[in-house]
Amino acid sequence: ERNATGVILFSDPRDVALEGVEPM
């Protein structure tokens, strides 16, 4: 609606990795 040409979506670690982003 605001004439953007495209959208990229990602899941924020703040929402989906609350213990951190390290492998363990």
mmCIF file of all heavy atoms, coordinates in Angstrom:
data_MODEL
# 
_entry.id   MODEL 
# 
loop_
_atom_site.group_PDB 
_atom_site.id 
_atom_site.type_symbol 
_atom_site.label_atom_id 
_atom_site.label_alt_id 
_atom_site.label_comp_id 
_atom_site.label_asym_id 
_atom_site.label_entity_id 
_atom_site.label_seq_id 
_atom_site.pdbx_PDB_ins_code 
_atom_site.Cartn_x 
_atom_site.Cartn_y 
_atom_site.Cartn_z 
_atom_site.occupancy 
_atom_site.B_iso_or_equiv 
_atom_site.pdbx_formal_charge 
_atom_site.auth_seq_id 
_atom_site.auth_comp_id 
_atom_site.auth_asym_id 
_atom_site.auth_atom_id 
_atom_site.pdbx_PDB_model_num 
ATOM 1   N N   . GLU A 1 1  ? 0.818  -1.213  0.000  1.00 0.00 ? 1  GLU A N   1 
ATOM 2   C CA  . GLU A 1 1  ? 0.000  0.000   0.000  1.00 0.00 ? 1  GLU A CA  1 
ATOM 3   C C   . GLU A 1 1  ? 0.855  1.268   0.000  1.00 0.00 ? 1  GLU A C   1 
ATOM 4   O O   . GLU A 1 1  ? 0.417  2.319   -0.471 1.00 0.00 ? 1  GLU A O   1 
ATOM 5   C CB  . GLU A 1 1  ? -0.923 0.001   1.220  1.00 0.00 ? 1  GLU A CB  1 
ATOM 6   C CG  . GLU A 1 1  ? -2.058 -1.000  1.135  1.00 0.00 ? 1  GLU A CG  1 
ATOM 7   C CD  . GLU A 1 1  ? -2.868 -1.094  2.408  1.00 0.00 ? 1  GLU A CD  1 
ATOM 8   O OE1 . GLU A 1 1  ? -2.399 -0.576  3.450  1.00 0.00 ? 1  GLU A OE1 1 
ATOM 9   O OE2 . GLU A 1 1  ? -3.972 -1.669  2.382  1.00 0.00 ? 1  GLU A OE2 1 
ATOM 10  N N   . ARG A 1 2  ? 2.075  1.128   0.511  1.00 0.00 ? 2  ARG A N   1 
ATOM 11  C CA  . ARG A 1 2  ? 2.988  2.278   0.564  1.00 0.00 ? 2  ARG A CA  1 
ATOM 12  C C   . ARG A 1 2  ? 4.017  2.245   -0.557 1.00 0.00 ? 2  ARG A C   1 
ATOM 13  O O   . ARG A 1 2  ? 5.052  2.891   -0.490 1.00 0.00 ? 2  ARG A O   1 
ATOM 14  C CB  . ARG A 1 2  ? 3.640  2.327   1.946  1.00 0.00 ? 2  ARG A CB  1 
ATOM 15  C CG  . ARG A 1 2  ? 2.620  2.734   3.020  1.00 0.00 ? 2  ARG A CG  1 
ATOM 16  C CD  . ARG A 1 2  ? 3.041  2.299   4.410  1.00 0.00 ? 2  ARG A CD  1 
ATOM 17  N NE  . ARG A 1 2  ? 2.021  2.710   5.386  1.00 0.00 ? 2  ARG A NE  1 
ATOM 18  C CZ  . ARG A 1 2  ? 0.883  2.029   5.619  1.00 0.00 ? 2  ARG A CZ  1 
ATOM 19  N NH1 . ARG A 1 2  ? 0.626  0.916   4.931  1.00 0.00 ? 2  ARG A NH1 1 
ATOM 20  N NH2 . ARG A 1 2  ? 0.010  2.462   6.500  1.00 0.00 ? 2  ARG A NH2 1 
ATOM 21  N N   . ASN A 1 3  ? 3.735  1.415   -1.559 1.00 0.00 ? 3  ASN A N   1 
ATOM 22  C CA  . ASN A 1 3  ? 4.526  1.345   -2.789 1.00 0.00 ? 3  ASN A CA  1 
ATOM 23  C C   . ASN A 1 3  ? 5.952  0.836   -2.578 1.00 0.00 ? 3  ASN A C   1 
ATOM 24  O O   . ASN A 1 3  ? 6.861  1.216   -3.313 1.00 0.00 ? 3  ASN A O   1 
ATOM 25  C CB  . ASN A 1 3  ? 4.547  2.709   -3.488 1.00 0.00 ? 3  ASN A CB  1 
ATOM 26  C CG  . ASN A 1 3  ? 3.167  3.144   -3.946 1.00 0.00 ? 3  ASN A CG  1 
ATOM 27  O OD1 . ASN A 1 3  ? 2.426  2.367   -4.532 1.00 0.00 ? 3  ASN A OD1 1 
ATOM 28  N ND2 . ASN A 1 3  ? 2.807  4.390   -3.654 1.00 0.00 ? 3  ASN A ND2 1 
ATOM 29  N N   . ALA A 1 4  ? 6.137  -0.035  -1.588 1.00 0.00 ? 4  ALA A N   1 
ATOM 30  C CA  . ALA A 1 4  ? 7.412  -0.737  -1.470 1.00 0.00 ? 4  ALA A CA  1 
ATOM 31  C C   . ALA A 1 4  ? 7.532  -1.711  -2.634 1.00 0.00 ? 4  ALA A C   1 
ATOM 32  O O   . ALA A 1 4  ? 6.530  -2.137  -3.215 1.00 0.00 ? 4  ALA A O   1 
ATOM 33  C CB  . ALA A 1 4  ? 7.501  -1.484  -0.141 1.00 0.00 ? 4  ALA A CB  1 
ATOM 34  N N   . THR A 1 5  ? 8.752  -2.083  -2.990 1.00 0.00 ? 5  THR A N   1 
ATOM 35  C CA  . THR A 1 5  ? 8.943  -2.964  -4.143 1.00 0.00 ? 5  THR A CA  1 
ATOM 36  C C   . THR A 1 5  ? 9.027  -4.436  -3.766 1.00 0.00 ? 5  THR A C   1 
ATOM 37  O O   . THR A 1 5  ? 8.921  -5.308  -4.632 1.00 0.00 ? 5  THR A O   1 
ATOM 38  C CB  . THR A 1 5  ? 10.226 -2.573  -4.898 1.00 0.00 ? 5  THR A CB  1 
ATOM 39  O OG1 . THR A 1 5  ? 11.335 -2.645  -4.002 1.00 0.00 ? 5  THR A OG1 1 
ATOM 40  C CG2 . THR A 1 5  ? 10.113 -1.158  -5.460 1.00 0.00 ? 5  THR A CG2 1 
ATOM 41  N N   . GLY A 1 6  ? 9.235  -4.731  -2.493 1.00 0.00 ? 6  GLY A N   1 
ATOM 42  C CA  . GLY A 1 6  ? 9.334  -6.104  -2.045 1.00 0.00 ? 6  GLY A CA  1 
ATOM 43  C C   . GLY A 1 6  ? 9.523  -6.149  -0.546 1.00 0.00 ? 6  GLY A C   1 
ATOM 44  O O   . GLY A 1 6  ? 9.850  -5.133  0.082  1.00 0.00 ? 6  GLY A O   1 
ATOM 45  N N   . VAL A 1 7  ? 9.307  -7.342  0.041  1.00 0.00 ? 7  VAL A N   1 
ATOM 46  C CA  . VAL A 1 7  ? 9.390  -7.502  1.493  1.00 0.00 ? 7  VAL A CA  1 
ATOM 47  C C   . VAL A 1 7  ? 10.278 -8.702  1.830  1.00 0.00 ? 7  VAL A C   1 
ATOM 48  O O   . VAL A 1 7  ? 10.180 -9.753  1.193  1.00 0.00 ? 7  VAL A O   1 
ATOM 49  C CB  . VAL A 1 7  ? 7.991  -7.713  2.107  1.00 0.00 ? 7  VAL A CB  1 
ATOM 50  C CG1 . VAL A 1 7  ? 8.091  -7.912  3.620  1.00 0.00 ? 7  VAL A CG1 1 
ATOM 51  C CG2 . VAL A 1 7  ? 7.079  -6.532  1.788  1.00 0.00 ? 7  VAL A CG2 1 
ATOM 52  N N   . ILE A 1 8  ? 11.132 -8.514  2.818  1.00 0.00 ? 8  ILE A N   1 
ATOM 53  C CA  . ILE A 1 8  ? 11.924 -9.603  3.393  1.00 0.00 ? 8  ILE A CA  1 
ATOM 54  C C   . ILE A 1 8  ? 11.460 -9.793  4.828  1.00 0.00 ? 8  ILE A C   1 
ATOM 55  O O   . ILE A 1 8  ? 11.330 -8.823  5.580  1.00 0.00 ? 8  ILE A O   1 
ATOM 56  C CB  . ILE A 1 8  ? 13.423 -9.272  3.374  1.00 0.00 ? 8  ILE A CB  1 
ATOM 57  C CG1 . ILE A 1 8  ? 13.907 -9.047  1.938  1.00 0.00 ? 8  ILE A CG1 1 
ATOM 58  C CG2 . ILE A 1 8  ? 14.235 -10.383 4.036  1.00 0.00 ? 8  ILE A CG2 1 
ATOM 59  C CD1 . ILE A 1 8  ? 15.312 -8.465  1.857  1.00 0.00 ? 8  ILE A CD1 1 
ATOM 60  N N   . LEU A 1 9  ? 11.169 -11.033 5.217  1.00 0.00 ? 9  LEU A N   1 
ATOM 61  C CA  . LEU A 1 9  ? 10.713 -11.322 6.568  1.00 0.00 ? 9  LEU A CA  1 
ATOM 62  C C   . LEU A 1 9  ? 11.712 -12.200 7.292  1.00 0.00 ? 9  LEU A C   1 
ATOM 63  O O   . LEU A 1 9  ? 12.305 -13.104 6.702  1.00 0.00 ? 9  LEU A O   1 
ATOM 64  C CB  . LEU A 1 9  ? 9.360  -12.044 6.532  1.00 0.00 ? 9  LEU A CB  1 
ATOM 65  C CG  . LEU A 1 9  ? 8.173  -11.270 5.939  1.00 0.00 ? 9  LEU A CG  1 
ATOM 66  C CD1 . LEU A 1 9  ? 6.937  -12.167 5.909  1.00 0.00 ? 9  LEU A CD1 1 
ATOM 67  C CD2 . LEU A 1 9  ? 7.891  -10.011 6.750  1.00 0.00 ? 9  LEU A CD2 1 
ATOM 68  N N   . PHE A 1 10 ? 11.916 -11.932 8.587  1.00 0.00 ? 10 PHE A N   1 
ATOM 69  C CA  . PHE A 1 10 ? 12.802 -12.781 9.388  1.00 0.00 ? 10 PHE A CA  1 
ATOM 70  C C   . PHE A 1 10 ? 12.244 -12.902 10.798 1.00 0.00 ? 10 PHE A C   1 
ATOM 71  O O   . PHE A 1 10 ? 11.485 -12.050 11.262 1.00 0.00 ? 10 PHE A O   1 
ATOM 72  C CB  . PHE A 1 10 ? 14.221 -12.212 9.423  1.00 0.00 ? 10 PHE A CB  1 
ATOM 73  C CG  . PHE A 1 10 ? 14.370 -10.962 10.263 1.00 0.00 ? 10 PHE A CG  1 
ATOM 74  C CD1 . PHE A 1 10 ? 14.841 -11.041 11.570 1.00 0.00 ? 10 PHE A CD1 1 
ATOM 75  C CD2 . PHE A 1 10 ? 14.054 -9.715  9.754  1.00 0.00 ? 10 PHE A CD2 1 
ATOM 76  C CE1 . PHE A 1 10 ? 14.974 -9.900  12.352 1.00 0.00 ? 10 PHE A CE1 1 
ATOM 77  C CE2 . PHE A 1 10 ? 14.191 -8.561  10.516 1.00 0.00 ? 10 PHE A CE2 1 
ATOM 78  C CZ  . PHE A 1 10 ? 14.657 -8.657  11.830 1.00 0.00 ? 10 PHE A CZ  1 
ATOM 79  N N   . SER A 1 11 ? 12.618 -13.986 11.474 1.00 0.00 ? 11 SER A N   1 
ATOM 80  C CA  . SER A 1 11 ? 12.248 -14.182 12.866 1.00 0.00 ? 11 SER A CA  1 
ATOM 81  C C   . SER A 1 11 ? 13.347 -13.607 13.742 1.00 0.00 ? 11 SER A C   1 
ATOM 82  O O   . SER A 1 11 ? 14.516 -13.984 13.617 1.00 0.00 ? 11 SER A O   1 
ATOM 83  C CB  . SER A 1 11 ? 12.054 -15.672 13.163 1.00 0.00 ? 11 SER A CB  1 
ATOM 84  O OG  . SER A 1 11 ? 11.010 -16.206 12.380 1.00 0.00 ? 11 SER A OG  1 
ATOM 85  N N   . ASP A 1 12 ? 12.987 -12.690 14.624 1.00 0.00 ? 12 ASP A N   1 
ATOM 86  C CA  . ASP A 1 12 ? 13.957 -12.010 15.477 1.00 0.00 ? 12 ASP A CA  1 
ATOM 87  C C   . ASP A 1 12 ? 14.342 -12.919 16.647 1.00 0.00 ? 12 ASP A C   1 
ATOM 88  O O   . ASP A 1 12 ? 13.461 -13.495 17.300 1.00 0.00 ? 12 ASP A O   1 
ATOM 89  C CB  . ASP A 1 12 ? 13.333 -10.716 16.007 1.00 0.00 ? 12 ASP A CB  1 
ATOM 90  C CG  . ASP A 1 12 ? 14.352 -9.793  16.651 1.00 0.00 ? 12 ASP A CG  1 
ATOM 91  O OD1 . ASP A 1 12 ? 15.290 -10.294 17.294 1.00 0.00 ? 12 ASP A OD1 1 
ATOM 92  O OD2 . ASP A 1 12 ? 14.208 -8.574  16.514 1.00 0.00 ? 12 ASP A OD2 1 
ATOM 93  N N   . PRO A 1 13 ? 15.652 -13.082 16.941 1.00 0.00 ? 13 PRO A N   1 
ATOM 94  C CA  . PRO A 1 13 ? 16.052 -13.888 18.097 1.00 0.00 ? 13 PRO A CA  1 
ATOM 95  C C   . PRO A 1 13 ? 15.376 -13.443 19.392 1.00 0.00 ? 13 PRO A C   1 
ATOM 96  O O   . PRO A 1 13 ? 15.138 -14.254 20.278 1.00 0.00 ? 13 PRO A O   1 
ATOM 97  C CB  . PRO A 1 13 ? 17.569 -13.678 18.162 1.00 0.00 ? 13 PRO A CB  1 
ATOM 98  C CG  . PRO A 1 13 ? 17.963 -13.315 16.782 1.00 0.00 ? 13 PRO A CG  1 
ATOM 99  C CD  . PRO A 1 13 ? 16.800 -12.550 16.206 1.00 0.00 ? 13 PRO A CD  1 
ATOM 100 N N   . ARG A 1 14 ? 15.054 -12.158 19.477 1.00 0.00 ? 14 ARG A N   1 
ATOM 101 C CA  . ARG A 1 14 ? 14.366 -11.651 20.664 1.00 0.00 ? 14 ARG A CA  1 
ATOM 102 C C   . ARG A 1 14 ? 13.013 -12.332 20.861 1.00 0.00 ? 14 ARG A C   1 
ATOM 103 O O   . ARG A 1 14 ? 12.502 -12.418 21.983 1.00 0.00 ? 14 ARG A O   1 
ATOM 104 C CB  . ARG A 1 14 ? 14.185 -10.137 20.536 1.00 0.00 ? 14 ARG A CB  1 
ATOM 105 C CG  . ARG A 1 14 ? 13.592 -9.459  21.757 1.00 0.00 ? 14 ARG A CG  1 
ATOM 106 C CD  . ARG A 1 14 ? 13.559 -7.964  21.565 1.00 0.00 ? 14 ARG A CD  1 
ATOM 107 N NE  . ARG A 1 14 ? 13.019 -7.279  22.729 1.00 0.00 ? 14 ARG A NE  1 
ATOM 108 C CZ  . ARG A 1 14 ? 12.922 -5.961  22.831 1.00 0.00 ? 14 ARG A CZ  1 
ATOM 109 N NH1 . ARG A 1 14 ? 13.339 -5.191  21.848 1.00 0.00 ? 14 ARG A NH1 1 
ATOM 110 N NH2 . ARG A 1 14 ? 12.418 -5.403  23.920 1.00 0.00 ? 14 ARG A NH2 1 
ATOM 111 N N   . ASP A 1 15 ? 12.440 -12.824 19.765 1.00 0.00 ? 15 ASP A N   1 
ATOM 112 C CA  . ASP A 1 15 ? 11.148 -13.496 19.830 1.00 0.00 ? 15 ASP A CA  1 
ATOM 113 C C   . ASP A 1 15 ? 11.254 -15.015 19.786 1.00 0.00 ? 15 ASP A C   1 
ATOM 114 O O   . ASP A 1 15 ? 10.362 -15.712 20.283 1.00 0.00 ? 15 ASP A O   1 
ATOM 115 C CB  . ASP A 1 15 ? 10.263 -13.031 18.669 1.00 0.00 ? 15 ASP A CB  1 
ATOM 116 C CG  . ASP A 1 15 ? 9.975  -11.540 18.695 1.00 0.00 ? 15 ASP A CG  1 
ATOM 117 O OD1 . ASP A 1 15 ? 9.717  -11.006 19.795 1.00 0.00 ? 15 ASP A OD1 1 
ATOM 118 O OD2 . ASP A 1 15 ? 10.006 -10.906 17.620 1.00 0.00 ? 15 ASP A OD2 1 
ATOM 119 N N   . VAL A 1 16 ? 12.315 -15.548 19.161 1.00 0.00 ? 16 VAL A N   1 
ATOM 120 C CA  . VAL A 1 16 ? 12.355 -16.993 18.897 1.00 0.00 ? 16 VAL A CA  1 
ATOM 121 C C   . VAL A 1 16 ? 13.589 -17.707 19.440 1.00 0.00 ? 16 VAL A C   1 
ATOM 122 O O   . VAL A 1 16 ? 13.723 -18.917 19.296 1.00 0.00 ? 16 VAL A O   1 
ATOM 123 C CB  . VAL A 1 16 ? 12.263 -17.264 17.372 1.00 0.00 ? 16 VAL A CB  1 
ATOM 124 C CG1 . VAL A 1 16 ? 10.941 -16.763 16.823 1.00 0.00 ? 16 VAL A CG1 1 
ATOM 125 C CG2 . VAL A 1 16 ? 13.434 -16.637 16.630 1.00 0.00 ? 16 VAL A CG2 1 
ATOM 126 N N   . ALA A 1 17 ? 14.512 -16.978 20.082 1.00 0.00 ? 17 ALA A N   1 
ATOM 127 C CA  . ALA A 1 17 ? 15.725 -17.594 20.652 1.00 0.00 ? 17 ALA A CA  1 
ATOM 128 C C   . ALA A 1 17 ? 16.046 -16.892 21.969 1.00 0.00 ? 17 ALA A C   1 
ATOM 129 O O   . ALA A 1 17 ? 17.077 -16.239 22.106 1.00 0.00 ? 17 ALA A O   1 
ATOM 130 C CB  . ALA A 1 17 ? 16.889 -17.506 19.674 1.00 0.00 ? 17 ALA A CB  1 
ATOM 131 N N   . LEU A 1 18 ? 15.158 -17.036 22.926 1.00 0.00 ? 18 LEU A N   1 
ATOM 132 C CA  . LEU A 1 18 ? 15.226 -16.246 24.149 1.00 0.00 ? 18 LEU A CA  1 
ATOM 133 C C   . LEU A 1 18 ? 16.397 -16.615 25.064 1.00 0.00 ? 18 LEU A C   1 
ATOM 134 O O   . LEU A 1 18 ? 16.737 -15.849 25.961 1.00 0.00 ? 18 LEU A O   1 
ATOM 135 C CB  . LEU A 1 18 ? 13.911 -16.368 24.924 1.00 0.00 ? 18 LEU A CB  1 
ATOM 136 C CG  . LEU A 1 18 ? 12.660 -15.861 24.186 1.00 0.00 ? 18 LEU A CG  1 
ATOM 137 C CD1 . LEU A 1 18 ? 11.463 -15.864 25.115 1.00 0.00 ? 18 LEU A CD1 1 
ATOM 138 C CD2 . LEU A 1 18 ? 12.882 -14.469 23.615 1.00 0.00 ? 18 LEU A CD2 1 
ATOM 139 N N   . GLU A 1 19 ? 17.019 -17.771 24.835 1.00 0.00 ? 19 GLU A N   1 
ATOM 140 C CA  . GLU A 1 19 ? 18.159 -18.166 25.659 1.00 0.00 ? 19 GLU A CA  1 
ATOM 141 C C   . GLU A 1 19 ? 19.491 -17.808 25.004 1.00 0.00 ? 19 GLU A C   1 
ATOM 142 O O   . GLU A 1 19 ? 20.546 -18.012 25.598 1.00 0.00 ? 19 GLU A O   1 
ATOM 143 C CB  . GLU A 1 19 ? 18.098 -19.672 25.940 1.00 0.00 ? 19 GLU A CB  1 
ATOM 144 C CG  . GLU A 1 19 ? 16.893 -20.082 26.776 1.00 0.00 ? 19 GLU A CG  1 
ATOM 145 C CD  . GLU A 1 19 ? 16.820 -21.578 26.988 1.00 0.00 ? 19 GLU A CD  1 
ATOM 146 O OE1 . GLU A 1 19 ? 17.763 -22.291 26.583 1.00 0.00 ? 19 GLU A OE1 1 
ATOM 147 O OE2 . GLU A 1 19 ? 15.814 -22.049 27.546 1.00 0.00 ? 19 GLU A OE2 1 
ATOM 148 N N   . GLY A 1 20 ? 19.444 -17.272 23.781 1.00 0.00 ? 20 GLY A N   1 
ATOM 149 C CA  . GLY A 1 20 ? 20.666 -16.944 23.058 1.00 0.00 ? 20 GLY A CA  1 
ATOM 150 C C   . GLY A 1 20 ? 20.699 -17.622 21.712 1.00 0.00 ? 20 GLY A C   1 
ATOM 151 O O   . GLY A 1 20 ? 19.823 -18.437 21.390 1.00 0.00 ? 20 GLY A O   1 
ATOM 152 N N   . VAL A 1 21 ? 21.718 -17.318 20.911 1.00 0.00 ? 21 VAL A N   1 
ATOM 153 C CA  . VAL A 1 21 ? 21.782 -17.844 19.543 1.00 0.00 ? 21 VAL A CA  1 
ATOM 154 C C   . VAL A 1 21 ? 22.954 -18.800 19.332 1.00 0.00 ? 21 VAL A C   1 
ATOM 155 O O   . VAL A 1 21 ? 23.207 -19.231 18.210 1.00 0.00 ? 21 VAL A O   1 
ATOM 156 C CB  . VAL A 1 21 ? 21.867 -16.685 18.526 1.00 0.00 ? 21 VAL A CB  1 
ATOM 157 C CG1 . VAL A 1 21 ? 20.615 -15.814 18.608 1.00 0.00 ? 21 VAL A CG1 1 
ATOM 158 C CG2 . VAL A 1 21 ? 23.124 -15.828 18.762 1.00 0.00 ? 21 VAL A CG2 1 
ATOM 159 N N   . GLU A 1 22 ? 23.668 -19.142 20.396 1.00 0.00 ? 22 GLU A N   1 
ATOM 160 C CA  . GLU A 1 22 ? 24.756 -20.108 20.262 1.00 0.00 ? 22 GLU A CA  1 
ATOM 161 C C   . GLU A 1 22 ? 24.190 -21.512 20.031 1.00 0.00 ? 22 GLU A C   1 
ATOM 162 O O   . GLU A 1 22 ? 23.038 -21.787 20.398 1.00 0.00 ? 22 GLU A O   1 
ATOM 163 C CB  . GLU A 1 22 ? 25.641 -20.087 21.511 1.00 0.00 ? 22 GLU A CB  1 
ATOM 164 C CG  . GLU A 1 22 ? 26.345 -18.761 21.751 1.00 0.00 ? 22 GLU A CG  1 
ATOM 165 C CD  . GLU A 1 22 ? 27.239 -18.361 20.594 1.00 0.00 ? 22 GLU A CD  1 
ATOM 166 O OE1 . GLU A 1 22 ? 27.932 -19.252 20.054 1.00 0.00 ? 22 GLU A OE1 1 
ATOM 167 O OE2 . GLU A 1 22 ? 27.231 -17.183 20.214 1.00 0.00 ? 22 GLU A OE2 1 
ATOM 168 N N   . PRO A 1 23 ? 24.984 -22.420 19.417 1.00 0.00 ? 23 PRO A N   1 
ATOM 169 C CA  . PRO A 1 23 ? 24.467 -23.752 19.078 1.00 0.00 ? 23 PRO A CA  1 
ATOM 170 C C   . PRO A 1 23 ? 23.805 -24.501 20.231 1.00 0.00 ? 23 PRO A C   1 
ATOM 171 O O   . PRO A 1 23 ? 22.788 -25.177 20.034 1.00 0.00 ? 23 PRO A O   1 
ATOM 172 C CB  . PRO A 1 23 ? 25.721 -24.491 18.583 1.00 0.00 ? 23 PRO A CB  1 
ATOM 173 C CG  . PRO A 1 23 ? 26.579 -23.399 18.017 1.00 0.00 ? 23 PRO A CG  1 
ATOM 174 C CD  . PRO A 1 23 ? 26.356 -22.214 18.907 1.00 0.00 ? 23 PRO A CD  1 
ATOM 175 N N   . MET A 1 24 ? 24.347 -24.391 21.434 1.00 0.00 ? 24 MET A N   1 
ATOM 176 C CA  . MET A 1 24 ? 23.767 -25.120 22.559 1.00 0.00 ? 24 MET A CA  1 
ATOM 177 C C   . MET A 1 24 ? 22.489 -24.468 23.084 1.00 0.00 ? 24 MET A C   1 
ATOM 178 O O   . MET A 1 24 ? 21.801 -25.038 23.934 1.00 0.00 ? 24 MET A O   1 
ATOM 179 C CB  . MET A 1 24 ? 24.792 -25.242 23.690 1.00 0.00 ? 24 MET A CB  1 
ATOM 180 C CG  . MET A 1 24 ? 25.982 -26.113 23.355 1.00 0.00 ? 24 MET A CG  1 
ATOM 181 S SD  . MET A 1 24 ? 25.501 -27.794 22.824 1.00 0.00 ? 24 MET A SD  1 
ATOM 182 C CE  . MET A 1 24 ? 24.705 -28.397 24.315 1.00 0.00 ? 24 MET A CE  1 
# 
